[in-house]
Amino acid sequence: MTRFLAFLFGIAGAVGASQAPGFTLQYMQNLNGRIDELRPTVEKFDADVERFGYTREEAMAECREATGLLNALCDSYRSIVIRYEELSAHYAELTAVSDYMQPVTLAKTHKQDIVESVMEEFEPAVPSTMTGAAYAGGGFVAVWLLASLLFAIITAPFRRRD
């Protein structure tokens, strides 16, 4: 009976883990959309400050000294530029690793607001890629082994000793 239960848990692990590549893909699409949305504002900011002989970094440094209305304007641009740079670096980090490592990298470095946004629209699907199959297999083995170990520990006191 415990082997059968461990097998069922393994199947559940396979189904759950197989969703990781699909979720990661949707996360990266959402992330890329956010970068694309910020890019025109950042490019306009860069072009505007360049007309006055500044680099982005020099303009940001001067913004830190600004007061009043200029400070309010600078705060807006600063937050947009910082977010753009963070998201761009995060996207580059995800695309730099193999498809098999992207879900692992995402688990370590995710942005919570993007995860929440993806979760609102994510629908589990049958994996049709090698990456999905690999994660399904890994999920099955990991959960099956864990369940088998737990069941062995739980049932050990009740086994007959011959």
Foldseek 3Di string as FASTA:
>chain_A
DLLVVLQVQLQVQLLVQLCLLVLLVLLLVLLVVLLVVLVVVLVVVQVVVVVVVDGPVRVLVVLVVDDDPSVVVSVVSVVSVVVNVVSVVLSCVLVVDDSLCNSVSCVVDPDVVSSVVSVVPDDRDQDDDPSSNVSSNVRSVVSSVVSSVVVCVVCVVVDDDD
